[in-house]
N, C-alpha and C. Protein backbone atom coordinates (compact mmCIF):
# COMPACT_ATOMS: atom_id res chain seq x y z
N MET A 1 104.05 85.42 94.56
CA MET A 1 103.54 86.60 95.07
C MET A 1 103.33 87.65 93.90
N ASN A 2 102.31 88.30 93.84
CA ASN A 2 101.99 89.24 92.84
C ASN A 2 102.87 90.65 92.98
N ASN A 3 102.98 91.40 92.01
CA ASN A 3 103.77 92.53 92.23
C ASN A 3 103.31 93.55 93.19
N ARG A 4 102.00 93.65 93.41
CA ARG A 4 101.45 94.57 94.31
C ARG A 4 101.90 94.20 95.69
N ALA A 5 101.81 92.88 96.16
CA ALA A 5 102.17 92.32 97.40
C ALA A 5 103.67 92.34 97.50
N TYR A 6 104.28 92.14 96.40
CA TYR A 6 105.89 92.14 96.56
C TYR A 6 106.26 93.63 96.90
N GLY A 7 105.72 94.59 96.26
CA GLY A 7 106.05 96.01 96.52
C GLY A 7 105.68 96.39 97.97
N ALA A 8 104.43 96.06 98.35
CA ALA A 8 104.06 96.26 99.66
C ALA A 8 104.93 95.75 100.82
N LEU A 9 105.32 94.44 100.61
CA LEU A 9 106.23 93.89 101.50
C LEU A 9 107.61 94.69 101.51
N GLY A 10 108.09 95.15 100.45
CA GLY A 10 109.30 95.93 100.24
C GLY A 10 109.08 97.24 101.03
N GLU A 11 107.92 97.82 100.93
CA GLU A 11 107.79 99.16 101.64
C GLU A 11 107.71 98.82 103.18
N GLU A 12 107.08 97.89 103.56
CA GLU A 12 106.98 97.57 105.03
C GLU A 12 108.43 97.38 105.59
N ALA A 13 109.45 96.72 104.78
CA ALA A 13 110.74 96.37 105.24
C ALA A 13 111.36 97.67 105.30
N ALA A 14 111.21 98.57 104.18
CA ALA A 14 111.90 99.98 104.17
C ALA A 14 111.63 100.81 105.27
N ALA A 15 110.30 100.88 105.54
CA ALA A 15 109.79 101.69 106.77
C ALA A 15 110.54 101.33 108.09
N ALA A 16 110.55 99.85 108.28
CA ALA A 16 111.10 99.47 109.59
C ALA A 16 112.65 99.71 109.55
N TYR A 17 113.25 99.58 108.41
CA TYR A 17 114.66 99.85 108.19
C TYR A 17 114.94 101.36 108.44
N LEU A 18 114.10 102.20 108.00
CA LEU A 18 114.27 103.71 108.18
C LEU A 18 114.16 104.00 109.69
N ALA A 19 113.22 103.42 110.32
CA ALA A 19 113.01 103.50 111.71
C ALA A 19 114.07 103.27 112.64
N ARG A 20 114.71 102.04 112.31
CA ARG A 20 116.01 101.57 112.84
C ARG A 20 117.15 102.61 112.66
N GLN A 21 117.00 103.33 111.60
CA GLN A 21 118.15 104.38 111.33
C GLN A 21 117.89 105.62 111.88
N GLY A 22 116.84 105.75 112.63
CA GLY A 22 116.39 106.98 113.34
C GLY A 22 115.44 107.86 112.70
N TYR A 23 115.03 107.49 111.54
CA TYR A 23 113.98 108.21 110.77
C TYR A 23 112.57 108.18 111.56
N ILE A 24 111.80 109.17 111.45
CA ILE A 24 110.56 109.39 111.95
C ILE A 24 109.49 109.26 110.94
N ILE A 25 108.75 108.26 110.72
CA ILE A 25 107.80 108.10 109.66
C ILE A 25 106.73 109.07 109.95
N ILE A 26 106.26 109.90 108.98
CA ILE A 26 105.20 110.87 109.03
C ILE A 26 104.14 110.26 108.26
N SER A 27 104.44 109.75 106.95
CA SER A 27 103.17 109.30 106.10
C SER A 27 103.86 108.21 105.24
N ARG A 28 102.71 107.48 104.66
CA ARG A 28 103.15 106.42 103.88
C ARG A 28 102.01 106.49 102.65
N ASN A 29 102.54 106.17 101.46
CA ASN A 29 101.69 106.14 100.27
C ASN A 29 100.86 107.46 100.14
N PHE A 30 101.58 108.57 100.23
CA PHE A 30 100.81 109.95 100.00
C PHE A 30 100.60 110.05 98.38
N ARG A 31 99.30 110.02 98.11
CA ARG A 31 98.94 110.14 96.72
C ARG A 31 98.29 111.47 96.41
N VAL A 32 98.55 112.07 95.19
CA VAL A 32 97.83 113.23 94.76
C VAL A 32 97.29 112.87 93.34
N GLY A 33 96.07 112.50 93.42
CA GLY A 33 95.32 112.26 92.20
C GLY A 33 96.04 111.29 91.26
N ARG A 34 96.05 111.80 90.05
CA ARG A 34 96.73 110.95 88.89
C ARG A 34 98.31 111.20 88.88
N MET A 35 98.70 112.38 89.67
CA MET A 35 100.06 112.66 89.75
C MET A 35 100.97 111.61 90.14
N GLY A 36 100.54 110.76 91.12
CA GLY A 36 101.14 109.67 91.63
C GLY A 36 101.25 109.71 93.13
N GLU A 37 102.34 108.98 93.68
CA GLU A 37 102.41 108.89 95.16
C GLU A 37 103.90 108.81 95.44
N ILE A 38 104.16 109.23 96.79
CA ILE A 38 105.45 109.13 97.42
C ILE A 38 105.08 107.94 98.43
N ASP A 39 106.14 107.01 98.43
CA ASP A 39 106.12 105.80 99.11
C ASP A 39 106.11 105.99 100.65
N ILE A 40 107.15 106.96 101.12
CA ILE A 40 107.34 107.19 102.53
C ILE A 40 107.81 108.67 102.64
N ILE A 41 107.25 109.30 103.67
CA ILE A 41 107.52 110.79 104.02
C ILE A 41 107.97 110.48 105.49
N ALA A 42 109.25 111.09 105.75
CA ALA A 42 109.86 110.84 107.08
C ALA A 42 110.73 112.01 107.47
N LYS A 43 111.05 112.17 108.62
CA LYS A 43 111.96 113.13 109.11
C LYS A 43 113.20 112.47 109.59
N ASP A 44 114.38 112.95 109.03
CA ASP A 44 115.81 112.54 109.55
C ASP A 44 116.27 113.80 110.26
N GLY A 45 116.28 113.79 111.59
CA GLY A 45 116.64 114.98 112.28
C GLY A 45 115.70 116.21 111.90
N GLU A 46 116.11 117.28 111.33
CA GLU A 46 115.30 118.41 111.03
C GLU A 46 115.08 118.30 109.49
N THR A 47 115.48 117.38 108.82
CA THR A 47 115.02 117.29 107.47
C THR A 47 114.08 116.39 107.07
N LEU A 48 113.04 117.08 106.14
CA LEU A 48 111.92 116.30 105.71
C LEU A 48 112.33 115.62 104.45
N CYS A 49 112.19 114.16 104.59
CA CYS A 49 112.62 113.24 103.44
C CYS A 49 111.44 112.57 102.75
N PHE A 50 111.55 112.73 101.36
CA PHE A 50 110.63 112.07 100.45
C PHE A 50 111.42 110.84 99.99
N ILE A 51 110.73 109.57 100.34
CA ILE A 51 111.46 108.47 99.91
C ILE A 51 110.86 107.48 98.94
N GLU A 52 111.57 107.11 98.00
CA GLU A 52 110.95 106.19 97.05
C GLU A 52 111.60 104.79 97.41
N VAL A 53 110.77 103.80 97.39
CA VAL A 53 111.14 102.39 97.63
C VAL A 53 111.24 101.59 96.39
N LYS A 54 112.29 100.90 96.12
CA LYS A 54 112.44 100.16 94.95
C LYS A 54 112.89 98.65 95.25
N SER A 55 112.16 97.72 95.05
CA SER A 55 112.38 96.33 95.36
C SER A 55 112.62 95.52 94.06
N ARG A 56 113.57 94.74 94.08
CA ARG A 56 114.02 93.93 92.86
C ARG A 56 114.42 92.56 93.45
N SER A 57 114.51 91.60 92.69
CA SER A 57 114.91 90.26 92.97
C SER A 57 116.50 90.03 92.52
N GLY A 58 116.89 90.85 91.85
CA GLY A 58 118.32 90.83 91.20
C GLY A 58 118.73 91.92 90.46
N TYR A 59 119.80 92.03 89.92
CA TYR A 59 120.47 92.94 89.04
C TYR A 59 120.24 92.88 87.55
N ASN A 60 119.38 91.89 87.13
CA ASN A 60 119.29 91.52 85.70
C ASN A 60 118.90 92.84 84.99
N PHE A 61 118.14 93.82 85.56
CA PHE A 61 117.79 95.05 84.85
C PHE A 61 118.32 96.16 85.55
N GLY A 62 119.60 96.12 86.08
CA GLY A 62 120.34 97.23 86.69
C GLY A 62 119.68 97.22 88.19
N THR A 63 120.32 98.21 88.90
CA THR A 63 119.96 98.33 90.36
C THR A 63 118.61 98.82 90.54
N PRO A 64 117.99 98.54 91.71
CA PRO A 64 116.65 99.19 91.94
C PRO A 64 116.65 100.64 91.70
N ALA A 65 117.63 101.42 92.12
CA ALA A 65 117.60 102.87 92.14
C ALA A 65 117.51 103.38 90.46
N GLN A 66 118.22 102.62 89.71
CA GLN A 66 118.03 102.93 88.26
C GLN A 66 116.73 102.92 87.74
N ALA A 67 115.74 102.30 88.41
CA ALA A 67 114.46 102.24 87.89
C ALA A 67 113.68 103.50 88.12
N VAL A 68 114.36 104.41 88.88
CA VAL A 68 113.64 105.65 89.46
C VAL A 68 114.08 106.65 88.15
N SER A 69 113.19 106.74 87.13
CA SER A 69 113.62 107.49 85.94
C SER A 69 113.51 109.04 86.34
N SER A 70 114.00 109.88 85.45
CA SER A 70 113.90 111.25 85.58
C SER A 70 112.41 111.72 85.63
N GLN A 71 111.60 111.12 84.87
CA GLN A 71 110.11 111.33 84.90
C GLN A 71 109.57 111.15 86.27
N LYS A 72 110.05 109.88 86.95
CA LYS A 72 109.52 109.65 88.21
C LYS A 72 109.99 110.62 89.33
N GLN A 73 111.21 110.91 89.14
CA GLN A 73 111.87 111.99 90.04
C GLN A 73 111.06 113.36 89.91
N ALA A 74 110.68 113.75 88.69
CA ALA A 74 109.99 115.00 88.56
C ALA A 74 108.66 114.81 89.27
N ALA A 75 108.05 113.68 89.14
CA ALA A 75 106.64 113.53 89.65
C ALA A 75 106.73 113.60 91.10
N ILE A 76 107.83 112.91 91.97
CA ILE A 76 107.94 112.89 93.16
C ILE A 76 108.16 114.30 93.73
N THR A 77 108.92 115.09 92.98
CA THR A 77 109.15 116.62 93.38
C THR A 77 107.93 117.19 93.43
N ARG A 78 107.11 117.16 92.40
CA ARG A 78 105.86 117.87 92.22
C ARG A 78 104.94 117.42 93.53
N ILE A 79 104.82 116.12 93.71
CA ILE A 79 103.99 115.61 94.84
C ILE A 79 104.57 116.35 96.12
N ALA A 80 105.85 116.23 96.33
CA ALA A 80 106.47 116.80 97.43
C ALA A 80 106.05 118.15 97.72
N GLN A 81 105.97 119.00 96.53
CA GLN A 81 105.63 120.44 96.81
C GLN A 81 104.05 120.48 97.20
N VAL A 82 103.21 119.63 96.75
CA VAL A 82 101.79 119.60 97.22
C VAL A 82 101.75 119.28 98.69
N TYR A 83 102.44 118.14 99.04
CA TYR A 83 102.51 117.89 100.44
C TYR A 83 103.06 119.07 101.41
N MET A 84 104.01 119.66 101.10
CA MET A 84 104.52 120.78 101.77
C MET A 84 103.60 121.89 101.88
N GLN A 85 102.94 122.15 100.81
CA GLN A 85 101.90 123.29 100.82
C GLN A 85 100.71 122.94 101.69
N ASN A 86 100.30 121.58 101.65
CA ASN A 86 99.02 121.07 102.33
C ASN A 86 99.41 121.17 103.80
N ASN A 87 100.74 120.85 104.13
CA ASN A 87 101.01 120.80 105.67
C ASN A 87 101.80 122.00 106.12
N ARG A 88 101.92 123.06 105.33
CA ARG A 88 102.46 124.36 105.65
C ARG A 88 103.86 124.20 106.08
N TYR A 89 104.64 123.28 105.46
CA TYR A 89 106.17 123.29 105.56
C TYR A 89 106.76 124.34 104.52
N SER A 90 107.39 125.31 105.15
CA SER A 90 108.02 126.29 104.15
C SER A 90 109.53 126.38 104.45
N ASP A 91 109.96 126.39 105.54
CA ASP A 91 111.30 126.70 105.79
C ASP A 91 111.97 125.58 106.49
N ILE A 92 112.08 124.43 105.81
CA ILE A 92 112.65 123.26 106.35
C ILE A 92 113.47 122.53 105.22
N PRO A 93 114.50 122.11 105.71
CA PRO A 93 115.48 121.33 104.64
C PRO A 93 114.70 120.10 104.23
N VAL A 94 114.78 119.85 102.71
CA VAL A 94 114.23 118.66 102.22
C VAL A 94 115.23 118.04 101.37
N ARG A 95 114.95 116.61 101.36
CA ARG A 95 115.77 115.65 100.73
C ARG A 95 115.03 114.51 100.16
N PHE A 96 115.51 114.03 99.00
CA PHE A 96 114.95 113.04 98.36
C PHE A 96 115.87 111.78 98.24
N ASP A 97 115.31 110.63 98.94
CA ASP A 97 116.08 109.51 99.15
C ASP A 97 115.42 108.30 98.43
N ILE A 98 116.30 107.14 98.24
CA ILE A 98 115.89 106.05 97.64
C ILE A 98 116.23 104.88 98.64
N VAL A 99 115.33 104.07 99.00
CA VAL A 99 115.63 102.72 99.64
C VAL A 99 115.50 101.65 98.54
N GLU A 100 116.62 100.90 98.46
CA GLU A 100 116.73 99.59 97.51
C GLU A 100 116.70 98.44 98.24
N LEU A 101 115.83 97.50 97.78
CA LEU A 101 115.75 96.41 98.51
C LEU A 101 116.05 95.10 97.53
N LEU A 102 116.92 94.28 97.83
CA LEU A 102 117.11 93.02 96.94
C LEU A 102 116.30 91.95 97.80
N MET A 103 115.23 91.31 97.18
CA MET A 103 114.38 90.65 97.80
C MET A 103 113.88 89.36 96.93
N ASP A 104 114.01 88.20 97.31
CA ASP A 104 113.54 87.13 96.61
C ASP A 104 111.80 87.11 96.38
N ARG A 105 111.39 86.31 95.46
CA ARG A 105 110.06 86.41 95.22
C ARG A 105 109.16 85.88 96.29
N ASP A 106 109.97 85.18 97.39
CA ASP A 106 109.11 84.83 98.45
C ASP A 106 109.06 85.85 99.70
N GLY A 107 109.73 86.87 99.45
CA GLY A 107 109.64 88.07 100.45
C GLY A 107 110.93 88.06 101.28
N ASN A 108 111.77 87.03 101.13
CA ASN A 108 113.04 87.09 101.90
C ASN A 108 114.08 88.23 101.53
N ILE A 109 114.33 89.13 102.43
CA ILE A 109 115.20 90.15 102.03
C ILE A 109 116.74 89.84 101.99
N ASN A 110 117.37 90.08 101.00
CA ASN A 110 118.82 89.72 100.84
C ASN A 110 119.65 90.88 101.22
N ASP A 111 119.23 92.11 100.83
CA ASP A 111 120.03 93.19 101.20
C ASP A 111 119.08 94.46 101.11
N ILE A 112 119.58 95.43 101.74
CA ILE A 112 118.89 96.79 101.78
C ILE A 112 119.76 97.90 101.91
N PHE A 113 119.56 98.89 101.04
CA PHE A 113 120.60 100.08 100.86
C PHE A 113 119.68 101.40 100.95
N LEU A 114 120.33 102.42 101.68
CA LEU A 114 119.56 103.69 101.70
C LEU A 114 120.63 104.69 100.93
N ILE A 115 119.86 105.32 99.96
CA ILE A 115 120.60 106.36 99.10
C ILE A 115 120.13 107.60 99.55
N ARG A 116 120.96 108.52 100.31
CA ARG A 116 120.55 109.77 100.75
C ARG A 116 120.82 110.65 99.60
N ASN A 117 120.06 111.82 99.40
CA ASN A 117 120.05 112.76 98.32
C ASN A 117 120.34 112.07 97.04
N ALA A 118 119.36 111.14 96.81
CA ALA A 118 119.42 110.32 95.55
C ALA A 118 119.25 111.24 94.29
N PHE A 119 118.40 112.11 94.50
CA PHE A 119 118.11 113.12 93.35
C PHE A 119 117.75 114.50 93.84
């Protein structure tokens, strides 16, 4: 399985997991030009959540969340600001979460973790 398909499968699993946790998925793969994209935008109660999904097959290179660099965090924050302006969200609590998936290269999910307030 190539990396793009592997990542897409991880995002599908993450969206399903979040829905089971009570999140309401609003948008997926929200892109702002070359700035980048946010994997999932959802509401958890009254909180608007911007969620990065990271899938890995093991811990050889650290946890999946450790792959979300400070540069990636800054890009997600900027993209979130654009999303909020475009959709006229101004007075709503916001949170940045990460969903980590441990998944083999055949797409079998071994574990999934939600990190609320990840950054």
